[in-house]
């Protein structure tokens, strides 16, 4: 290979010639949009993961009833696949189905507008195993939990196995009536352990989802059996209703949970365990991570010698329009991605992905180092005929960008 005069000069002076830095880029595409399929009126709870083979899997809850009903609607779990770094995608496919009769959670029937005939599949969680397996957990009626797996990157799935009995161990500490896995993707540790955050509720409060506590379940045999952890974040006057939680393994092998709650501090809660199951540290609020009471996403970025943590959520604490009570009701907007270079102790970069209405999110990294943020959006400038803003927005959008864009000023 011929050297340029500049390269030759650098080499002569003992310098190092490096490849030119990539140009910053960001691009967006809608993966699910209300109105494209008449069967569904809401797309919510986005999740994304990259498999060991490099396939990108993006999934969500597809809800059949219009906005304003509840989490207890007729809901299916849809998945799309990409084999080209998230550029093009397969058609949506329903991937969770349980045989036999289905009973509605009795705590849901205490609320208005809940149809006992509706079937609610909820809170899907996928894990990309380093051996190529894709593990999946999901719930039925916030009352039963199931496990299934795919050996062909999400094309086909095994028959679901019920694992609800795993949650019985929590009852000595918390008499739950409502359960939920994740949501979002979850993790496999370096030692092979699968760790899935869960939240549990007595079902006696709002939406039958409150009060709540956070914990994990884990498997040391590739999903064949599951065990319950110690309670990671209890419900207290300070830590109010901890629920939707994401996990990441730190470089020292410990597991950090990043927790949504309804606490008055309006910051994300963080707790760490040496093994993802026991000896959880005292939960602390992360002052840099605003909490508008919404799901977030977290993932490891391991490329070009860099080991970073990325976090996504709506970085906003403005009071919701029309709501009188400050500090409780917050607009879901300004989904942003943050970057930590010190294992989540500080967040050196924070960059807006979607300044307007934007909601739940998950985040992944492809094998080429492209970052993927998959999030709920509502009507954006220039769009027409879309559903007005509500808790879930009018669809789910994928942002593809590189680290150069994230770090650029």
Protein backbone atom coordinates (compact mmCIF):
# COMPACT_ATOMS: atom_id res chain seq x y z
CA UNK A 1 0.00 0.00 0.00
CA UNK A 2 1.42 3.40 -0.96
CA UNK A 3 1.89 5.96 1.78
CA UNK A 4 1.02 9.60 1.36
CA UNK A 5 3.85 12.06 1.93
CA UNK A 6 2.19 13.11 5.20
CA UNK A 7 1.88 9.51 6.37
CA UNK A 8 5.49 8.81 5.47
CA UNK A 9 6.59 11.88 7.36
CA UNK A 10 4.62 10.84 10.43
CA UNK A 11 6.12 7.39 10.33
CA UNK A 12 9.59 8.82 9.98
CA UNK A 13 8.96 10.86 13.13
CA UNK A 14 7.66 7.84 15.03
CA UNK A 15 4.05 8.90 14.64
CA UNK A 16 1.10 6.56 14.20
CA UNK A 17 -1.14 6.69 11.15
CA UNK A 18 -4.78 6.05 12.06
CA UNK A 19 -7.85 5.72 9.92
CA UNK A 20 -9.84 8.86 9.41
CA UNK A 21 -12.65 9.29 11.92
CA UNK A 22 -16.09 8.40 10.62
CA UNK A 23 -18.43 11.21 9.67
CA UNK A 24 -21.20 11.78 12.23
CA UNK A 25 -24.61 10.59 11.07
CA UNK A 26 -28.13 10.04 12.34
CA UNK A 27 -31.13 8.71 10.45
CA UNK A 28 -34.64 7.77 11.50
CA UNK A 29 -37.38 5.46 10.29
CA UNK A 30 -40.76 4.43 11.67
CA UNK A 31 -41.00 0.72 12.44
CA UNK A 32 -44.58 0.78 13.75
CA UNK A 33 -47.10 3.52 12.96
CA UNK A 34 -50.75 3.75 13.95
CA UNK A 35 -52.98 3.36 10.89
CA UNK A 36 -50.71 0.98 8.98
CA UNK A 37 -52.50 -2.09 10.37
CA UNK A 38 -56.20 -1.63 11.18
CA UNK A 39 -55.97 -4.36 13.83
CA UNK A 40 -53.95 -2.14 16.20
CA UNK A 41 -54.52 1.32 17.63
CA UNK A 42 -51.49 1.68 19.89
CA UNK A 43 -47.86 0.52 19.64
CA UNK A 44 -46.12 0.69 23.00
CA UNK A 45 -43.30 -0.81 25.09
CA UNK A 46 -40.50 -0.90 22.49
CA UNK A 47 -37.54 -3.25 22.86
CA UNK A 48 -34.42 -3.86 20.79
CA UNK A 49 -31.48 -6.27 20.92
CA UNK A 50 -28.65 -7.42 18.64
CA UNK A 51 -28.03 -11.17 18.52
CA UNK A 52 -24.68 -12.95 18.53
CA UNK A 53 -25.08 -13.42 14.78
CA UNK A 54 -25.68 -9.69 14.25
CA UNK A 55 -29.42 -9.76 13.60
CA UNK A 56 -31.33 -6.83 15.06
CA UNK A 57 -34.64 -7.69 16.72
CA UNK A 58 -37.18 -4.96 17.50
CA UNK A 59 -40.45 -5.69 19.26
CA UNK A 60 -43.39 -4.02 20.97
CA UNK A 61 -46.82 -4.43 22.47
CA UNK A 62 -49.49 -3.95 19.80
CA UNK A 63 -52.75 -2.89 21.45
CA UNK A 64 -56.08 -3.31 19.73
CA UNK A 65 -58.17 -0.72 21.53
CA UNK A 66 -57.83 3.05 21.09
CA UNK A 67 -55.87 5.29 23.42
CA UNK A 68 -57.25 5.94 26.86
CA UNK A 69 -58.27 2.39 27.78
CA UNK A 70 -55.46 0.71 29.73
CA UNK A 71 -52.54 -1.68 29.96
CA UNK A 72 -55.12 -4.45 30.35
CA UNK A 73 -56.34 -4.27 26.74
CA UNK A 74 -56.29 -6.92 24.05
CA UNK A 75 -52.53 -6.92 23.39
CA UNK A 76 -50.20 -8.93 21.17
CA UNK A 77 -46.39 -8.93 20.98
CA UNK A 78 -45.01 -8.11 17.52
CA UNK A 79 -41.44 -8.57 16.29
CA UNK A 80 -39.50 -7.25 13.30
CA UNK A 81 -36.04 -8.47 12.18
CA UNK A 82 -33.16 -6.78 10.39
CA UNK A 83 -30.08 -8.49 8.98
CA UNK A 84 -28.40 -5.35 7.64
CA UNK A 85 -27.58 -3.29 10.74
CA UNK A 86 -31.13 -2.01 11.18
CA UNK A 87 -31.51 -0.49 7.70
CA UNK A 88 -34.31 -2.70 6.36
CA UNK A 89 -36.82 -4.81 8.23
CA UNK A 90 -39.07 -7.85 7.93
CA UNK A 91 -42.83 -7.51 8.30
CA UNK A 92 -44.19 -7.54 11.87
CA UNK A 93 -44.95 -11.00 13.26
CA UNK A 94 -46.81 -12.02 16.44
CA UNK A 95 -44.43 -14.13 18.55
CA UNK A 96 -46.21 -14.98 21.82
CA UNK A 97 -49.16 -17.34 22.14
CA UNK A 98 -50.25 -19.51 25.05
CA UNK A 99 -52.55 -22.48 24.48
CA UNK A 100 -55.61 -23.22 26.58
CA UNK A 101 -58.16 -21.14 28.52
CA UNK A 102 -57.11 -17.73 29.78
CA UNK A 103 -58.40 -15.97 32.88
CA UNK A 104 -58.28 -12.22 33.34
CA UNK A 105 -56.38 -11.03 36.38
CA UNK A 106 -59.17 -10.37 38.92
CA UNK A 107 -57.51 -7.15 40.03
CA UNK A 108 -57.92 -5.75 36.52
CA UNK A 109 -61.68 -6.33 36.63
CA UNK A 110 -62.00 -3.81 39.45
CA UNK A 111 -61.27 -1.03 36.95
CA UNK A 112 -63.52 0.61 34.40
CA UNK A 113 -63.37 -0.25 30.69
CA UNK A 114 -61.62 -3.59 31.18
CA UNK A 115 -63.21 -6.27 29.03
CA UNK A 116 -62.91 -9.73 30.63
CA UNK A 117 -62.75 -11.25 27.14
CA UNK A 118 -59.60 -9.34 26.19
CA UNK A 119 -56.33 -11.28 26.24
CA UNK A 120 -53.34 -9.30 27.50
CA UNK A 121 -49.84 -10.43 26.54
CA UNK A 122 -47.47 -8.01 28.23
CA UNK A 123 -43.93 -6.99 29.14
CA UNK A 124 -41.78 -8.89 26.64
CA UNK A 125 -38.07 -9.22 27.43
CA UNK A 126 -35.45 -10.63 25.03
CA UNK A 127 -31.85 -11.62 25.80
CA UNK A 128 -29.18 -12.29 23.19
CA UNK A 129 -27.11 -15.23 24.40
CA UNK A 130 -23.46 -15.30 23.37
CA UNK A 131 -24.03 -18.83 21.99
CA UNK A 132 -26.56 -17.50 19.45
CA UNK A 133 -29.73 -18.40 21.35
CA UNK A 134 -32.35 -15.69 21.85
CA UNK A 135 -34.17 -16.03 25.17
CA UNK A 136 -37.59 -14.46 25.65
CA UNK A 137 -39.81 -13.92 28.67
CA UNK A 138 -43.30 -12.46 28.63
CA UNK A 139 -46.37 -12.25 30.83
CA UNK A 140 -50.04 -13.07 30.43
CA UNK A 141 -52.58 -10.87 32.23
CA UNK A 142 -49.85 -9.52 34.53
CA UNK A 143 -50.46 -12.75 36.42
CA UNK A 144 -48.53 -15.52 34.67
CA UNK A 145 -44.96 -15.56 33.30
CA UNK A 146 -43.57 -17.63 30.40
CA UNK A 147 -40.23 -18.48 28.83
CA UNK A 148 -39.49 -19.39 25.22
CA UNK A 149 -36.39 -19.41 23.01
CA UNK A 150 -35.30 -19.07 19.42
CA UNK A 151 -32.35 -20.85 17.82
CA UNK A 152 -32.68 -19.08 14.45
CA UNK A 153 -32.44 -15.40 15.40
CA UNK A 154 -36.13 -14.89 16.06
CA UNK A 155 -37.56 -16.57 12.95
CA UNK A 156 -39.22 -19.32 14.99
CA UNK A 157 -39.81 -19.83 18.71
CA UNK A 158 -40.16 -22.80 21.03
CA UNK A 159 -43.45 -23.53 22.76
CA UNK A 160 -43.78 -21.28 25.84
CA UNK A 161 -43.01 -22.84 29.22
CA UNK A 162 -44.75 -21.36 32.26
CA UNK A 163 -42.38 -20.09 34.95
CA UNK A 164 -44.89 -18.33 37.23
CA UNK A 165 -43.89 -20.58 40.15
CA UNK A 166 -40.51 -18.80 40.16
CA UNK A 167 -42.29 -15.75 41.55
CA UNK A 168 -43.73 -17.65 44.52
CA UNK A 169 -40.42 -17.17 46.35
CA UNK A 170 -41.06 -13.41 46.45
CA UNK A 171 -44.25 -13.85 48.47
CA UNK A 172 -42.38 -14.31 51.74
CA UNK A 173 -41.28 -10.68 51.34
CA UNK A 174 -44.04 -9.20 49.19
CA UNK A 175 -47.53 -10.62 48.67
CA UNK A 176 -47.84 -9.73 45.00
CA UNK A 177 -50.99 -10.13 42.90
CA UNK A 178 -49.60 -8.50 39.75
CA UNK A 179 -46.25 -9.36 38.14
CA UNK A 180 -44.29 -8.06 35.18
CA UNK A 181 -40.94 -8.83 33.58
CA UNK A 182 -38.73 -5.97 32.33
CA UNK A 183 -39.78 -4.62 29.94
CA UNK A 184 -36.96 -3.95 27.41
CA UNK A 185 -34.06 -6.23 26.51
CA UNK A 186 -32.09 -7.77 29.34
CA UNK A 187 -28.65 -9.28 29.84
CA UNK A 188 -26.42 -12.33 30.03
CA UNK A 189 -23.46 -11.98 32.39
CA UNK A 190 -19.91 -12.98 31.53
CA UNK A 191 -20.39 -16.16 33.58
CA UNK A 192 -23.46 -17.10 31.51
CA UNK A 193 -26.14 -16.13 34.03
CA UNK A 194 -29.32 -14.64 32.56
CA UNK A 195 -30.70 -11.74 34.59
CA UNK A 196 -34.17 -10.26 34.09
CA UNK A 197 -35.51 -7.31 36.13
CA UNK A 198 -39.09 -7.73 37.35
CA UNK A 199 -41.59 -5.64 39.23
CA UNK A 200 -44.35 -6.84 41.52
CA UNK A 201 -47.51 -5.19 42.85
CA UNK A 202 -50.24 -5.97 45.34
CA UNK A 203 -52.63 -4.63 42.70
CA UNK A 204 -54.50 -2.44 45.16
CA UNK A 205 -53.42 0.96 43.80
CA UNK A 206 -53.66 2.90 40.54
CA UNK A 207 -54.12 0.82 37.38
CA UNK A 208 -53.71 -2.24 39.63
CA UNK A 209 -49.96 -1.67 39.17
CA UNK A 210 -49.32 0.06 42.47
CA UNK A 211 -47.83 -0.19 45.05
CA UNK A 212 -44.81 -1.96 43.58
CA UNK A 213 -41.30 -3.25 44.27
CA UNK A 214 -38.40 -4.20 41.99
CA UNK A 215 -36.31 -7.38 41.92
CA UNK A 216 -34.80 -9.81 39.38
CA UNK A 217 -35.18 -13.41 38.34
CA UNK A 218 -32.18 -15.30 37.00
CA UNK A 219 -31.16 -18.52 35.30
CA UNK A 220 -27.86 -20.36 35.45
CA UNK A 221 -28.83 -23.09 32.98
CA UNK A 222 -29.70 -21.11 29.85
CA UNK A 223 -33.33 -20.58 30.72
CA UNK A 224 -34.27 -24.12 31.72
CA UNK A 225 -34.97 -23.07 35.32
CA UNK A 226 -35.35 -19.69 37.00
CA UNK A 227 -34.85 -18.39 40.54
CA UNK A 228 -35.98 -15.29 42.40
CA UNK A 229 -33.56 -12.69 43.73
CA UNK A 230 -33.72 -10.66 46.87
CA UNK A 231 -35.92 -7.56 46.64
CA UNK A 232 -33.68 -4.90 45.07
CA UNK A 233 -35.75 -1.75 45.63
CA UNK A 234 -38.62 -1.84 48.15
CA UNK A 235 -41.53 0.58 48.19
CA UNK A 236 -40.84 3.25 50.84
CA UNK A 237 -41.64 6.89 51.51
CA UNK A 238 -38.41 7.77 49.69
CA UNK A 239 -38.48 5.14 46.91
CA UNK A 240 -42.07 5.29 45.74
CA UNK A 241 -43.38 2.48 43.51
CA UNK A 242 -40.17 1.28 41.87
CA UNK A 243 -41.20 -0.58 38.73
CA UNK A 244 -39.93 -0.76 35.12
CA UNK A 245 -36.22 -1.51 35.46
CA UNK A 246 -33.24 -2.08 33.15
CA UNK A 247 -29.99 -3.88 33.92
CA UNK A 248 -26.36 -3.77 32.85
CA UNK A 249 -23.28 -5.74 33.85
CA UNK A 250 -20.43 -3.50 35.00
CA UNK A 251 -16.85 -4.24 34.01
CA UNK A 252 -16.11 -5.67 37.46
CA UNK A 253 -18.85 -8.30 36.97
CA UNK A 254 -21.43 -6.67 39.24
CA UNK A 255 -24.93 -5.85 38.01
CA UNK A 256 -26.41 -2.37 38.10
CA UNK A 257 -30.16 -1.81 37.96
CA UNK A 258 -31.50 1.50 36.67
CA UNK A 259 -35.02 1.91 38.04
CA UNK A 260 -38.09 3.93 37.19
CA UNK A 261 -40.08 5.13 40.21
CA UNK A 262 -42.61 7.77 41.23
CA UNK A 263 -40.32 9.25 43.86
CA UNK A 264 -40.45 12.94 44.68
CA UNK A 265 -36.79 13.36 43.68
CA UNK A 266 -37.78 12.73 40.04
CA UNK A 267 -34.48 11.04 39.32
CA UNK A 268 -33.67 7.48 38.24
CA UNK A 269 -32.81 5.07 41.05
CA UNK A 270 -29.65 2.95 40.90
CA UNK A 271 -28.70 -0.14 42.90
CA UNK A 272 -25.83 -2.63 42.44
CA UNK A 273 -25.46 -6.32 43.25
CA UNK A 274 -22.29 -8.44 43.00
CA UNK A 275 -24.22 -11.19 41.18
CA UNK A 276 -27.50 -9.69 39.95
CA UNK A 277 -29.49 -11.41 42.70
CA UNK A 278 -28.20 -10.74 46.22
CA UNK A 279 -26.68 -8.04 48.43
CA UNK A 280 -28.23 -5.10 46.60
CA UNK A 281 -26.72 -1.77 47.58
CA UNK A 282 -28.84 0.93 49.14
CA UNK A 283 -30.71 2.53 46.20
CA UNK A 284 -29.53 6.01 45.27
CA UNK A 285 -30.94 8.68 43.01
CA UNK A 286 -28.75 9.61 40.03
CA UNK A 287 -28.98 13.41 39.88
CA UNK A 288 -28.00 13.44 36.19
CA UNK A 289 -30.85 11.19 35.08
CA UNK A 290 -34.20 12.96 35.13
CA UNK A 291 -37.27 10.82 35.79
CA UNK A 292 -40.52 11.99 34.16
CA UNK A 293 -41.96 8.60 35.21
CA UNK A 294 -41.20 6.68 32.04
CA UNK A 295 -39.27 3.61 30.93
CA UNK A 296 -35.61 3.99 29.93
CA UNK A 297 -33.00 1.90 28.12
CA UNK A 298 -29.39 0.97 28.90
CA UNK A 299 -26.68 -0.89 26.96
CA UNK A 300 -22.93 -1.49 26.82
CA UNK A 301 -20.94 0.01 23.91
CA UNK A 302 -17.83 -2.12 23.30
CA UNK A 303 -16.02 -1.03 20.12
CA UNK A 304 -12.63 0.30 19.03
CA UNK A 305 -11.17 -0.29 22.47
CA UNK A 306 -13.89 1.74 24.20
CA UNK A 307 -16.16 0.35 26.92
CA UNK A 308 -18.99 2.81 27.50
CA UNK A 309 -22.51 2.76 28.93
CA UNK A 310 -25.35 4.35 26.98
CA UNK A 311 -28.68 5.33 28.56
CA UNK A 312 -31.89 6.60 26.93
CA UNK A 313 -35.09 8.16 28.30
CA UNK A 314 -37.18 11.35 28.00
CA UNK A 315 -34.89 13.96 29.55
CA UNK A 316 -37.62 16.29 30.71
CA UNK A 317 -39.30 17.52 33.88
CA UNK A 318 -41.80 20.03 32.56
CA UNK A 319 -45.22 19.87 34.09
CA UNK A 320 -47.82 18.21 31.88
CA UNK A 321 -50.25 20.70 30.36
CA UNK A 322 -53.57 20.91 32.15
CA UNK A 323 -52.28 19.22 35.30
CA UNK A 324 -52.26 21.27 38.47
CA UNK A 325 -50.07 19.12 40.68
CA UNK A 326 -46.39 19.97 40.16
CA UNK A 327 -43.71 17.36 40.50
CA UNK A 328 -45.92 14.43 39.57
CA UNK A 329 -47.31 14.68 36.05
CA UNK A 330 -44.66 15.20 33.40
CA UNK A 331 -44.65 15.45 29.62
CA UNK A 332 -42.94 12.58 27.86
CA UNK A 333 -40.69 14.36 25.40
CA UNK A 334 -37.05 15.00 24.54
CA UNK A 335 -35.88 11.38 24.38
CA UNK A 336 -32.12 11.70 24.77
CA UNK A 337 -29.10 9.42 24.87
CA UNK A 338 -26.42 9.81 27.53
CA UNK A 339 -22.91 8.39 27.57
CA UNK A 340 -20.86 7.34 30.59
CA UNK A 341 -17.13 6.64 30.45
CA UNK A 342 -16.85 5.62 34.12
CA UNK A 343 -19.37 2.79 34.52
CA UNK A 344 -22.38 4.99 35.18
CA UNK A 345 -20.85 7.16 37.89
CA UNK A 346 -21.11 10.26 35.70
CA UNK A 347 -22.65 11.04 32.32
CA UNK A 348 -20.25 12.99 30.13
CA UNK A 349 -22.56 13.37 27.12
CA UNK A 350 -26.29 13.96 26.77
CA UNK A 351 -27.78 14.44 23.32
CA UNK A 352 -31.37 14.84 22.17
CA UNK A 353 -32.73 12.24 19.75
CA UNK A 354 -36.31 13.55 19.54
CA UNK A 355 -37.02 17.02 21.00
CA UNK A 356 -40.79 16.70 20.65
CA UNK A 357 -43.21 14.21 22.20
CA UNK A 358 -41.28 10.97 22.76
CA UNK A 359 -41.85 8.21 25.25
CA UNK A 360 -40.62 4.72 26.13
CA UNK A 361 -37.27 3.72 24.66
CA UNK A 362 -34.73 0.94 24.42
CA UNK A 363 -31.19 1.09 23.08
CA UNK A 364 -28.84 -1.34 21.33
CA UNK A 365 -25.51 -1.45 19.50
CA UNK A 366 -24.85 -3.38 16.29
CA UNK A 367 -21.70 -5.35 15.59
CA UNK A 368 -20.42 -2.52 13.42
CA UNK A 369 -20.81 -0.04 16.29
CA UNK A 370 -23.96 1.66 15.02
CA UNK A 371 -26.17 2.75 17.92
CA UNK A 372 -29.92 2.06 17.72
CA UNK A 373 -32.46 3.92 19.85
CA UNK A 374 -36.01 2.56 19.47
CA UNK A 375 -38.62 4.83 21.03
CA UNK A 376 -42.23 6.00 21.05
CA UNK A 377 -43.07 9.16 19.13
CA UNK A 378 -46.11 11.26 18.43
CA UNK A 379 -46.95 13.59 15.56
CA UNK A 380 -43.78 15.23 14.28
CA UNK A 381 -43.52 18.43 12.17
CA UNK A 382 -44.67 17.77 8.64
CA UNK A 383 -46.65 14.65 9.51
CA UNK A 384 -50.37 14.58 8.91
CA UNK A 385 -53.27 12.39 9.91
CA UNK A 386 -51.46 10.82 12.88
CA UNK A 387 -53.00 10.02 16.24
CA UNK A 388 -52.83 12.94 18.70
CA UNK A 389 -50.35 12.78 21.56
CA UNK A 390 -51.16 10.37 24.39
CA UNK A 391 -49.16 8.23 26.81
CA UNK A 392 -47.73 6.01 24.05
CA UNK A 393 -47.61 8.35 21.09
CA UNK A 394 -48.65 7.41 17.56
CA UNK A 395 -45.93 4.92 16.73
CA UNK A 396 -42.43 3.65 17.32
CA UNK A 397 -39.37 5.12 15.61
CA UNK A 398 -35.84 3.81 15.20
CA UNK A 399 -32.91 6.23 15.27
CA UNK A 400 -29.62 4.92 13.82
CA UNK A 401 -26.50 6.93 14.60
CA UNK A 402 -22.81 6.54 15.32
CA UNK A 403 -20.67 7.41 18.30
CA UNK A 404 -19.19 10.34 16.38
CA UNK A 405 -22.65 11.91 16.15
CA UNK A 406 -23.33 11.28 19.83
CA UNK A 407 -20.05 12.85 20.92
CA UNK A 408 -20.12 15.77 18.48
CA UNK A 409 -20.83 19.15 20.02
